Structure formats: C-alpha cells, structure tokens
Amino acid sequence: MTSRTRDTDPATAAALDYGLSQRALLAVSARTDDVTEMITRRLTALAHSGLTALDEPTVRVVVRQAVRDVRTAPPPPPADPPADPALANLRRAVDELAANTHAIGELMLEVAPAYLSDADAADVLALFCEEVGEPLEHGLAARRYAMSGDRRALHGIVL
C-alpha cells in the first residue's frame, strides 16, 4: 500500500528520509511551491557561502527547517486592498520595509550562512553589522527572516 506522501519503493524512501513526520508533509502538501522556493533559496545561499560540498546532514537540516517554517508561517494577507487609503499606504510601506529587510537578510546570510546558529552567526556578524551601521539585533532578525520568509522574525525588532 502506498502512502499519501510517498509513492516509492522502500529503498528509495529510505534515501529520501529527512526525518519529517507524515503530519508535517501533509501540512505543506498544498504549499509545495513555497517549500521548494525556500529550500532552493537556502541551498543557493549555502553554495555561495563558500561551502565546498553540501553534505546530507546539511541538506536534511535545510529541508526540515523549510517545512517547519512554511507550516508555521501565518496565512498570506488578504488579496483585497483596504478601502482606507491611509491604511493601504501604511500596508505598502510595511511591505516595502519587509522587502528591504529581506534583502539585508540575504546579505547577512552571505556573511553568516544558514547552517550557523544564531550565537555563532552573532560572532561572525558583529563586526560586519558595526561596519555597515546596522544594529546586530536587526542583522540577526533580518537573517532569520531571509531564512524563513516569516515576518514574525522581525516582530519587535524591525517591525
């Protein structure tokens, strides 16, 4: 009997085991484009970080983090713009700030790749943030946002 998440033979299934529960896979099954885009972005950042080879444990961590982040991301904002022009302008400004912060986060990931913990990344980013005039807390939050795509990473620090 094949499962709803894998239609492969047992040997192939073992090779694809990323330690994800069936519940996690089902939770993101409708958002595979989001998961794929996030994994691609993170693996690309790792490849550009100077890492010579992406070993299986690193890829496994990236996949699990992407699935977790997509599962926990809040639903997208409503497609209908608010009727109040002031509110629409405010939403546009917040979206622009988030987009700029994501770009800063991508830069932070080039300096401190995603496989580093926040503590290790802080050691690497401290001097860089000082040089570019960005508070370390903002740099770390932007890095977390670039890795996850979840604006909650910016709550209380940037937004």
N, C-alpha and C. Protein backbone atom coordinates (compact mmCIF):
# COMPACT_ATOMS: atom_id res chain seq x y z
N MET A 1 0.85 -1.19 0.00
CA MET A 1 0.00 0.00 0.00
C MET A 1 0.89 1.24 0.00
N THR A 2 0.62 2.19 -0.87
CA THR A 2 1.41 3.41 -0.91
C THR A 2 0.79 4.46 -0.01
N SER A 3 1.64 5.29 0.54
CA SER A 3 1.14 6.34 1.41
C SER A 3 0.73 7.54 0.58
N ARG A 4 0.09 8.50 1.22
CA ARG A 4 -0.31 9.72 0.51
C ARG A 4 0.88 10.64 0.28
N THR A 5 2.01 10.38 0.94
CA THR A 5 3.15 11.27 0.80
C THR A 5 4.28 10.68 -0.01
N ARG A 6 4.34 9.36 -0.12
CA ARG A 6 5.42 8.73 -0.88
C ARG A 6 4.88 7.59 -1.72
N ASP A 7 5.20 7.60 -3.00
CA ASP A 7 4.80 6.53 -3.90
C ASP A 7 6.05 5.84 -4.43
N THR A 8 6.98 5.52 -3.56
CA THR A 8 8.24 4.95 -3.99
C THR A 8 8.48 3.63 -3.28
N ASP A 9 9.45 2.91 -3.81
CA ASP A 9 9.79 1.65 -3.16
C ASP A 9 10.55 1.94 -1.86
N PRO A 10 10.65 0.95 -0.95
CA PRO A 10 11.27 1.20 0.36
C PRO A 10 12.72 1.69 0.29
N ALA A 11 13.51 1.19 -0.68
CA ALA A 11 14.91 1.63 -0.78
C ALA A 11 14.99 3.11 -1.14
N THR A 12 14.16 3.55 -2.07
CA THR A 12 14.13 4.97 -2.44
C THR A 12 13.60 5.80 -1.29
N ALA A 13 12.58 5.31 -0.62
CA ALA A 13 12.00 6.04 0.51
C ALA A 13 13.04 6.25 1.60
N ALA A 14 13.88 5.25 1.86
CA ALA A 14 14.93 5.40 2.88
C ALA A 14 15.92 6.47 2.47
N ALA A 15 16.23 6.57 1.17
CA ALA A 15 17.17 7.59 0.69
C ALA A 15 16.57 8.99 0.81
N LEU A 16 15.23 9.09 0.80
CA LEU A 16 14.57 10.39 0.87
C LEU A 16 14.10 10.75 2.28
N ASP A 17 14.48 9.99 3.26
CA ASP A 17 14.01 10.22 4.63
C ASP A 17 14.72 11.43 5.24
N TYR A 18 13.96 12.50 5.48
CA TYR A 18 14.51 13.71 6.07
C TYR A 18 14.06 13.87 7.51
N GLY A 19 13.52 12.81 8.09
CA GLY A 19 13.09 12.88 9.48
C GLY A 19 11.82 13.69 9.66
N LEU A 20 11.01 13.79 8.64
CA LEU A 20 9.76 14.56 8.70
C LEU A 20 8.60 13.62 8.99
N SER A 21 7.73 14.05 9.83
CA SER A 21 6.54 13.25 10.11
C SER A 21 5.58 13.35 8.94
N GLN A 22 4.70 12.37 8.85
CA GLN A 22 3.68 12.41 7.80
C GLN A 22 2.77 13.61 8.01
N ARG A 23 2.55 13.97 9.26
CA ARG A 23 1.73 15.15 9.56
C ARG A 23 2.36 16.42 8.98
N ALA A 24 3.69 16.54 9.13
CA ALA A 24 4.38 17.71 8.59
C ALA A 24 4.28 17.75 7.07
N LEU A 25 4.46 16.60 6.44
CA LEU A 25 4.39 16.54 4.98
C LEU A 25 2.98 16.86 4.48
N LEU A 26 1.98 16.36 5.16
CA LEU A 26 0.60 16.66 4.76
C LEU A 26 0.28 18.14 4.96
N ALA A 27 0.84 18.73 6.01
CA ALA A 27 0.57 20.14 6.30
C ALA A 27 1.09 21.07 5.21
N VAL A 28 2.16 20.66 4.53
CA VAL A 28 2.73 21.52 3.49
C VAL A 28 2.44 21.02 2.08
N SER A 29 1.66 19.96 1.97
CA SER A 29 1.42 19.37 0.65
C SER A 29 0.75 20.34 -0.32
N ALA A 30 -0.04 21.26 0.18
CA ALA A 30 -0.69 22.24 -0.69
C ALA A 30 0.21 23.45 -0.97
N ARG A 31 1.37 23.50 -0.32
CA ARG A 31 2.26 24.65 -0.47
C ARG A 31 3.65 24.22 -0.95
N THR A 32 3.70 23.23 -1.83
CA THR A 32 4.99 22.70 -2.28
C THR A 32 5.82 23.76 -3.00
N ASP A 33 5.18 24.69 -3.69
CA ASP A 33 5.94 25.75 -4.36
C ASP A 33 6.68 26.60 -3.34
N ASP A 34 6.02 26.92 -2.21
CA ASP A 34 6.67 27.71 -1.16
C ASP A 34 7.85 26.95 -0.56
N VAL A 35 7.65 25.66 -0.29
CA VAL A 35 8.72 24.85 0.30
C VAL A 35 9.89 24.75 -0.67
N THR A 36 9.59 24.48 -1.94
CA THR A 36 10.64 24.34 -2.96
C THR A 36 11.43 25.64 -3.11
N GLU A 37 10.72 26.77 -3.16
CA GLU A 37 11.40 28.06 -3.31
C GLU A 37 12.29 28.34 -2.12
N MET A 38 11.81 28.04 -0.91
CA MET A 38 12.59 28.29 0.29
C MET A 38 13.83 27.40 0.35
N ILE A 39 13.68 26.12 0.03
CA ILE A 39 14.82 25.21 0.03
C ILE A 39 15.84 25.66 -1.01
N THR A 40 15.37 26.01 -2.20
CA THR A 40 16.27 26.45 -3.26
C THR A 40 17.04 27.70 -2.84
N ARG A 41 16.33 28.66 -2.26
CA ARG A 41 16.98 29.91 -1.83
C ARG A 41 18.05 29.63 -0.76
N ARG A 42 17.73 28.75 0.19
CA ARG A 42 18.68 28.45 1.27
C ARG A 42 19.87 27.64 0.78
N LEU A 43 19.64 26.66 -0.10
CA LEU A 43 20.75 25.87 -0.62
C LEU A 43 21.65 26.74 -1.50
N THR A 44 21.05 27.66 -2.25
CA THR A 44 21.84 28.59 -3.06
C THR A 44 22.70 29.47 -2.17
N ALA A 45 22.13 29.97 -1.08
CA ALA A 45 22.90 30.79 -0.15
C ALA A 45 24.05 29.99 0.45
N LEU A 46 23.81 28.74 0.78
CA LEU A 46 24.87 27.88 1.31
C LEU A 46 25.96 27.65 0.26
N ALA A 47 25.55 27.41 -0.98
CA ALA A 47 26.52 27.16 -2.05
C ALA A 47 27.39 28.39 -2.29
N HIS A 48 26.79 29.59 -2.19
CA HIS A 48 27.55 30.82 -2.39
C HIS A 48 28.35 31.23 -1.17
N SER A 49 28.14 30.55 -0.06
CA SER A 49 28.84 30.93 1.17
C SER A 49 30.27 30.40 1.20
N GLY A 50 30.64 29.61 0.19
CA GLY A 50 31.99 29.06 0.19
C GLY A 50 32.03 27.63 0.68
N LEU A 51 30.90 27.09 1.05
CA LEU A 51 30.82 25.70 1.47
C LEU A 51 31.15 24.84 0.25
N THR A 52 32.16 23.96 0.38
CA THR A 52 32.63 23.22 -0.78
C THR A 52 31.69 22.09 -1.19
N ALA A 53 31.00 21.50 -0.25
CA ALA A 53 30.07 20.42 -0.57
C ALA A 53 28.88 20.48 0.37
N LEU A 54 27.73 20.25 -0.17
CA LEU A 54 26.52 20.17 0.65
C LEU A 54 26.33 18.72 1.04
N ASP A 55 26.68 18.39 2.28
CA ASP A 55 26.55 17.01 2.72
C ASP A 55 25.10 16.72 3.12
N GLU A 56 24.81 15.45 3.26
CA GLU A 56 23.44 15.01 3.55
C GLU A 56 22.87 15.62 4.83
N PRO A 57 23.63 15.68 5.94
CA PRO A 57 23.06 16.29 7.15
C PRO A 57 22.70 17.76 6.96
N THR A 58 23.49 18.50 6.20
CA THR A 58 23.19 19.92 5.96
C THR A 58 21.91 20.07 5.15
N VAL A 59 21.78 19.27 4.09
CA VAL A 59 20.57 19.33 3.26
C VAL A 59 19.36 18.91 4.08
N ARG A 60 19.52 17.89 4.91
CA ARG A 60 18.42 17.42 5.76
C ARG A 60 17.93 18.55 6.67
N VAL A 61 18.87 19.29 7.27
CA VAL A 61 18.50 20.40 8.16
C VAL A 61 17.77 21.48 7.38
N VAL A 62 18.26 21.81 6.19
CA VAL A 62 17.63 22.84 5.38
C VAL A 62 16.20 22.44 5.02
N VAL A 63 16.00 21.19 4.63
CA VAL A 63 14.66 20.71 4.26
C VAL A 63 13.73 20.75 5.47
N ARG A 64 14.20 20.25 6.61
CA ARG A 64 13.34 20.24 7.80
C ARG A 64 12.97 21.65 8.23
N GLN A 65 13.96 22.58 8.18
CA GLN A 65 13.68 23.96 8.56
C GLN A 65 12.67 24.59 7.60
N ALA A 66 12.80 24.33 6.32
CA ALA A 66 11.88 24.91 5.33
C ALA A 66 10.46 24.40 5.57
N VAL A 67 10.32 23.11 5.80
CA VAL A 67 8.99 22.54 6.07
C VAL A 67 8.42 23.15 7.34
N ARG A 68 9.23 23.25 8.38
CA ARG A 68 8.75 23.85 9.63
C ARG A 68 8.34 25.30 9.42
N ASP A 69 9.16 26.06 8.70
CA ASP A 69 8.87 27.48 8.51
C ASP A 69 7.60 27.69 7.67
N VAL A 70 7.40 26.86 6.66
CA VAL A 70 6.18 27.00 5.85
C VAL A 70 4.97 26.61 6.68
N ARG A 71 5.11 25.58 7.51
CA ARG A 71 3.99 25.15 8.36
C ARG A 71 3.60 26.24 9.36
N THR A 72 4.58 26.95 9.89
CA THR A 72 4.29 27.92 10.95
C THR A 72 4.06 29.34 10.44
N ALA A 73 4.26 29.56 9.15
CA ALA A 73 4.07 30.91 8.60
C ALA A 73 2.61 31.30 8.69
N PRO A 74 2.34 32.54 9.03
CA PRO A 74 0.95 32.98 9.08
C PRO A 74 0.36 32.99 7.68
N PRO A 75 -0.95 32.91 7.58
CA PRO A 75 -1.57 32.95 6.25
C PRO A 75 -1.25 34.27 5.54
N PRO A 76 -1.22 34.24 4.21
CA PRO A 76 -0.92 35.48 3.48
C PRO A 76 -1.98 36.54 3.75
N PRO A 77 -1.62 37.80 3.62
CA PRO A 77 -2.59 38.87 3.86
C PRO A 77 -3.72 38.81 2.82
N PRO A 78 -4.85 39.41 3.15
CA PRO A 78 -5.97 39.37 2.22
C PRO A 78 -5.60 40.01 0.87
N ALA A 79 -6.16 39.46 -0.18
CA ALA A 79 -5.84 39.95 -1.53
C ALA A 79 -6.50 41.31 -1.80
N ASP A 80 -7.62 41.59 -1.13
CA ASP A 80 -8.32 42.85 -1.35
C ASP A 80 -7.62 43.97 -0.57
N PRO A 81 -7.28 45.06 -1.26
CA PRO A 81 -6.65 46.17 -0.54
C PRO A 81 -7.66 46.85 0.38
N PRO A 82 -7.19 47.43 1.48
CA PRO A 82 -8.11 48.12 2.37
C PRO A 82 -8.75 49.33 1.68
N ALA A 83 -9.96 49.63 2.07
CA ALA A 83 -10.69 50.76 1.47
C ALA A 83 -10.08 52.10 1.89
N ASP A 84 -9.54 52.17 3.08
CA ASP A 84 -8.95 53.39 3.60
C ASP A 84 -7.59 53.62 2.93
N PRO A 85 -7.39 54.73 2.21
CA PRO A 85 -6.12 54.98 1.52
C PRO A 85 -4.93 55.08 2.47
N ALA A 86 -5.16 55.63 3.65
CA ALA A 86 -4.07 55.73 4.63
C ALA A 86 -3.61 54.34 5.05
N LEU A 87 -4.54 53.44 5.28
CA LEU A 87 -4.21 52.08 5.66
C LEU A 87 -3.50 51.35 4.51
N ALA A 88 -3.96 51.58 3.29
CA ALA A 88 -3.31 50.99 2.12
C ALA A 88 -1.87 51.48 1.99
N ASN A 89 -1.65 52.78 2.23
CA ASN A 89 -0.29 53.33 2.16
C ASN A 89 0.58 52.75 3.27
N LEU A 90 0.02 52.60 4.45
CA LEU A 90 0.77 52.03 5.57
C LEU A 90 1.14 50.57 5.26
N ARG A 91 0.20 49.81 4.75
CA ARG A 91 0.48 48.41 4.41
C ARG A 91 1.58 48.34 3.35
N ARG A 92 1.52 49.24 2.35
CA ARG A 92 2.54 49.28 1.30
C ARG A 92 3.91 49.61 1.89
N ALA A 93 3.94 50.56 2.84
CA ALA A 93 5.22 50.92 3.48
C ALA A 93 5.78 49.75 4.29
N VAL A 94 4.93 49.04 5.00
CA VAL A 94 5.38 47.87 5.77
C VAL A 94 5.89 46.79 4.83
N ASP A 95 5.19 46.57 3.72
CA ASP A 95 5.64 45.57 2.75
C ASP A 95 6.99 45.94 2.16
N GLU A 96 7.18 47.23 1.88
CA GLU A 96 8.47 47.69 1.35
C GLU A 96 9.58 47.52 2.38
N LEU A 97 9.29 47.86 3.63
CA LEU A 97 10.28 47.67 4.70
C LEU A 97 10.64 46.19 4.84
N ALA A 98 9.64 45.33 4.77
CA ALA A 98 9.91 43.89 4.87
C ALA A 98 10.75 43.42 3.69
N ALA A 99 10.47 43.90 2.49
CA ALA A 99 11.25 43.50 1.31
C ALA A 99 12.70 43.96 1.43
N ASN A 100 12.90 45.18 1.90
CA ASN A 100 14.26 45.69 2.09
C ASN A 100 14.98 44.91 3.18
N THR A 101 14.26 44.57 4.23
CA THR A 101 14.86 43.79 5.32
C THR A 101 15.23 42.40 4.83
N HIS A 102 14.42 41.83 3.96
CA HIS A 102 14.74 40.52 3.39
C HIS A 102 16.04 40.60 2.59
N ALA A 103 16.21 41.68 1.82
CA ALA A 103 17.44 41.86 1.06
C ALA A 103 18.64 41.98 2.00
N ILE A 104 18.48 42.70 3.09
CA ILE A 104 19.56 42.80 4.08
C ILE A 104 19.83 41.42 4.69
N GLY A 105 18.77 40.66 4.95
CA GLY A 105 18.92 39.31 5.48
C GLY A 105 19.69 38.41 4.55
N GLU A 106 19.45 38.53 3.24
CA GLU A 106 20.20 37.74 2.25
C GLU A 106 21.68 38.11 2.32
N LEU A 107 21.98 39.39 2.50
CA LEU A 107 23.37 39.82 2.66
C LEU A 107 23.97 39.22 3.93
N MET A 108 23.19 39.23 5.01
CA MET A 108 23.67 38.64 6.27
C MET A 108 23.94 37.15 6.09
N LEU A 109 23.13 36.46 5.29
CA LEU A 109 23.34 35.04 5.04
C LEU A 109 24.62 34.78 4.24
N GLU A 110 25.02 35.75 3.42
CA GLU A 110 26.28 35.59 2.70
C GLU A 110 27.46 35.63 3.67
N VAL A 111 27.33 36.44 4.71
CA VAL A 111 28.40 36.56 5.71
C VAL A 111 28.32 35.44 6.74
N ALA A 112 27.11 35.12 7.19
CA ALA A 112 26.89 34.07 8.19
C ALA A 112 25.86 33.10 7.63
N PRO A 113 26.31 32.03 6.97
CA PRO A 113 25.39 31.09 6.31
C PRO A 113 24.37 30.47 7.26
N ALA A 114 23.32 29.92 6.66
CA ALA A 114 22.17 29.40 7.40
C ALA A 114 22.51 28.25 8.33
N TYR A 115 23.58 27.54 8.07
CA TYR A 115 23.91 26.41 8.94
C TYR A 115 24.47 26.85 10.29
N LEU A 116 24.82 28.13 10.43
CA LEU A 116 25.31 28.63 11.71
C LEU A 116 24.14 28.93 12.65
N SER A 117 24.33 28.64 13.92
CA SER A 117 23.31 29.00 14.91
C SER A 117 23.30 30.52 15.07
N ASP A 118 22.29 31.05 15.73
CA ASP A 118 22.24 32.49 15.98
C ASP A 118 23.45 32.96 16.78
N ALA A 119 23.87 32.16 17.75
CA ALA A 119 25.03 32.55 18.58
C ALA A 119 26.29 32.61 17.74
N ASP A 120 26.51 31.59 16.89
CA ASP A 120 27.69 31.60 16.03
C ASP A 120 27.60 32.71 14.99
N ALA A 121 26.40 32.93 14.46
CA ALA A 121 26.20 34.00 13.48
C ALA A 121 26.47 35.36 14.12
N ALA A 122 26.08 35.53 15.38
CA ALA A 122 26.32 36.80 16.07
C ALA A 122 27.81 37.09 16.15
N ASP A 123 28.61 36.07 16.42
CA ASP A 123 30.07 36.25 16.47
C ASP A 123 30.60 36.71 15.12
N VAL A 124 30.08 36.12 14.05
CA VAL A 124 30.55 36.45 12.70
C VAL A 124 30.03 37.82 12.26
N LEU A 125 28.79 38.13 12.61
CA LEU A 125 28.14 39.35 12.11
C LEU A 125 28.42 40.60 12.93
N ALA A 126 28.94 40.46 14.12
CA ALA A 126 29.12 41.62 15.00
C ALA A 126 29.95 42.73 14.32
N LEU A 127 31.09 42.39 13.80
CA LEU A 127 31.95 43.39 13.15
C LEU A 127 31.31 43.90 11.86
N PHE A 128 30.73 42.99 11.09
CA PHE A 128 30.09 43.38 9.83
C PHE A 128 28.97 44.38 10.09
N CYS A 129 28.11 44.08 11.05
CA CYS A 129 26.99 44.99 11.37
C CYS A 129 27.51 46.34 11.83
N GLU A 130 28.57 46.33 12.60
CA GLU A 130 29.16 47.60 13.05
C GLU A 130 29.67 48.40 11.85
N GLU A 131 30.29 47.73 10.90
CA GLU A 131 30.83 48.40 9.72
C GLU A 131 29.74 49.01 8.83
N VAL A 132 28.61 48.33 8.70
CA VAL A 132 27.54 48.83 7.84
C VAL A 132 26.54 49.69 8.59
N GLY A 133 26.72 49.83 9.90
CA GLY A 133 25.83 50.69 10.68
C GLY A 133 24.48 50.09 10.99
N GLU A 134 24.44 48.78 11.05
CA GLU A 134 23.19 48.07 11.37
C GLU A 134 23.33 47.46 12.76
N PRO A 135 22.38 47.68 13.66
CA PRO A 135 22.47 47.01 14.96
C PRO A 135 22.50 45.49 14.79
N LEU A 136 23.29 44.81 15.59
CA LEU A 136 23.43 43.36 15.48
C LEU A 136 22.07 42.67 15.60
N GLU A 137 21.21 43.13 16.52
CA GLU A 137 19.88 42.53 16.67
C GLU A 137 19.08 42.60 15.37
N HIS A 138 19.19 43.74 14.67
CA HIS A 138 18.49 43.89 13.39
C HIS A 138 19.08 42.95 12.35
N GLY A 139 20.40 42.85 12.32
CA GLY A 139 21.06 41.95 11.36
C GLY A 139 20.66 40.51 11.57
N LEU A 140 20.61 40.08 12.82
CA LEU A 140 20.22 38.70 13.12
C LEU A 140 18.75 38.47 12.78
N ALA A 141 17.89 39.45 13.08
CA ALA A 141 16.47 39.31 12.75
C ALA A 141 16.28 39.25 11.23
N ALA A 142 17.00 40.09 10.50
CA ALA A 142 16.91 40.07 9.03
C ALA A 142 17.40 38.74 8.49
N ARG A 143 18.44 38.20 9.08
CA ARG A 143 18.97 36.88 8.66
C ARG A 143 17.92 35.79 8.90
N ARG A 144 17.28 35.82 10.07
CA ARG A 144 16.23 34.83 10.36
C ARG A 144 15.05 34.99 9.37
N TYR A 145 14.71 36.23 9.04
CA TYR A 145 13.63 36.48 8.10
C TYR A 145 13.99 35.97 6.70
N ALA A 146 15.22 36.19 6.27
CA ALA A 146 15.65 35.70 4.96
C ALA A 146 15.64 34.18 4.91
N MET A 147 15.94 33.54 6.03
CA MET A 147 15.93 32.07 6.06
C MET A 147 14.52 31.53 6.07
N SER A 148 13.63 32.20 6.78
CA SER A 148 12.29 31.64 6.98
C SER A 148 11.22 32.25 6.09
N GLY A 149 11.39 33.51 5.70
CA GLY A 149 10.33 34.19 4.98
C GLY A 149 9.16 34.56 5.88
N ASP A 150 9.34 34.39 7.18
CA ASP A 150 8.28 34.62 8.16
C ASP A 150 8.51 35.98 8.82
N ARG A 151 7.59 36.91 8.60
CA ARG A 151 7.75 38.27 9.15
C ARG A 151 7.77 38.30 10.66
N ARG A 152 7.29 37.25 11.29
CA ARG A 152 7.34 37.23 12.76
C ARG A 152 8.78 37.29 13.27
N ALA A 153 9.75 36.94 12.45
CA ALA A 153 11.15 37.04 12.85
C ALA A 153 11.56 38.50 13.09
N LEU A 154 10.79 39.43 12.53
CA LEU A 154 11.11 40.85 12.65
C LEU A 154 10.32 41.55 13.77
N HIS A 155 9.35 40.84 14.34
CA HIS A 155 8.46 41.44 15.32
C HIS A 155 9.24 41.98 16.53
N GLY A 156 9.01 43.25 16.83
CA GLY A 156 9.62 43.87 17.99
C GLY A 156 11.03 44.34 17.77
N ILE A 157 11.62 44.00 16.62
CA ILE A 157 13.00 44.41 16.35
C ILE A 157 13.04 45.37 15.17
N VAL A 158 12.44 44.99 14.06
CA VAL A 158 12.41 45.82 12.88
C VAL A 158 11.00 46.33 12.62
N LEU A 159 10.03 45.45 12.73
CA LEU A 159 8.63 45.86 12.50
C LEU A 159 7.90 45.92 13.82
